Protein backbone atom coordinates (compact mmCIF):
# COMPACT_ATOMS: atom_id res chain seq x y z
CA MET A 1 84.94 53.08 71.06
CA ALA A 2 82.03 54.85 72.75
CA LYS A 3 81.68 58.59 72.77
CA LYS A 4 82.58 60.25 76.05
CA SER A 5 79.67 61.62 77.98
CA ARG A 6 79.32 65.26 78.88
CA ARG A 7 79.71 64.41 82.54
CA ALA A 8 83.13 62.82 81.93
CA ARG A 9 84.29 65.80 79.86
CA LYS A 10 83.06 68.24 82.50
CA LYS A 11 84.86 66.30 85.23
CA ALA A 12 88.07 66.25 83.18
CA ARG A 13 87.82 69.99 82.62
CA ALA A 14 87.31 70.64 86.33
CA THR A 15 90.36 68.59 87.38
CA ARG A 16 92.68 70.12 84.77
CA PRO A 17 94.84 72.86 86.33
CA THR A 18 94.76 76.25 84.70
CA PRO A 19 98.12 77.61 83.55
CA PRO A 20 99.43 80.59 85.53
CA ALA A 21 99.29 83.99 83.90
CA ARG A 22 102.55 84.96 82.25
CA LYS A 23 104.22 88.23 83.05
CA THR A 24 105.77 89.97 80.11
CA LEU A 25 108.98 91.75 80.83
CA VAL A 26 110.37 94.37 78.50
CA PRO A 27 114.16 94.28 78.51
CA GLN A 28 115.79 97.63 79.06
CA PRO A 29 119.00 98.26 77.13
CA SER A 30 121.91 98.97 79.39
CA PRO A 31 123.60 102.36 78.91
CA ALA A 32 127.02 100.74 78.35
CA ILE A 33 125.78 98.66 75.41
CA ALA A 34 123.83 101.50 73.83
CA LYS A 35 126.86 103.84 73.76
CA LYS A 36 129.23 101.50 71.91
CA PRO A 37 130.07 102.61 68.38
CA PRO A 38 129.25 100.12 65.65
CA ARG A 39 132.14 97.76 65.00
CA PRO A 40 133.36 97.84 61.40
CA GLU A 41 133.35 94.41 59.85
CA LYS A 42 135.40 93.33 56.92
CA MET A 43 133.19 92.17 54.11
CA THR A 44 134.85 89.86 51.65
CA LYS A 45 133.14 88.87 48.47
CA LYS A 46 133.39 85.21 47.66
CA THR A 47 132.82 83.99 44.17
CA VAL A 48 131.16 80.62 44.09
CA ASP A 49 131.41 78.30 41.14
CA PHE A 50 127.97 76.72 41.10
CA ALA A 51 128.97 74.19 38.45
CA THR A 52 131.42 72.54 40.83
CA GLU A 53 129.29 73.03 43.94
CA TYR A 54 126.17 71.40 42.48
CA ARG A 55 127.55 68.94 39.92
CA TYR A 56 125.62 66.12 41.57
CA VAL A 57 122.34 67.92 40.83
CA TYR A 58 122.94 67.68 37.09
CA THR A 59 123.54 63.95 37.28
CA ASP A 60 120.45 63.46 39.45
CA LEU A 61 118.31 65.45 37.01
CA LYS A 62 119.61 63.37 34.10
CA ARG A 63 118.78 60.16 35.97
CA ILE A 64 115.26 61.41 36.78
CA ALA A 65 114.66 62.46 33.16
CA ILE A 66 115.74 59.04 31.89
CA ALA A 67 113.46 57.29 34.39
CA ALA A 68 110.52 59.54 33.46
CA ALA A 69 111.05 58.94 29.74
CA ALA A 70 111.22 55.18 30.32
CA MET A 71 107.98 55.22 32.34
CA LEU A 72 106.25 57.28 29.67
CA ALA A 73 107.39 54.85 27.00
CA VAL A 74 106.09 51.90 29.04
CA LEU A 75 102.72 53.64 29.47
CA ILE A 76 102.45 54.29 25.73
CA ILE A 77 103.36 50.69 24.88
CA LEU A 78 100.86 49.36 27.45
CA SER A 79 98.11 51.55 26.02
CA PHE A 80 98.57 49.85 22.61
CA VAL A 81 98.80 46.37 24.12
CA ILE A 82 95.68 46.73 26.26
CA ARG A 83 93.48 47.89 23.34
């Protein structure tokens, strides 16, 4: 595909509309919201048993380790066969 000429790029730039300037508005806090006292929230501590939550990760890691060991063994065997 041929390179575009400068004339074509200049024409494309001239026909492209320029985006309007954006006005930035700073929100003003309303007096009613600013005067509210902070609402106390109940914080409950949850204990999470990670062994039950992520038991599938252990099985996936075992499967990956077995596949990696098998590939390494194949590479070692192939290195002896090729020589």
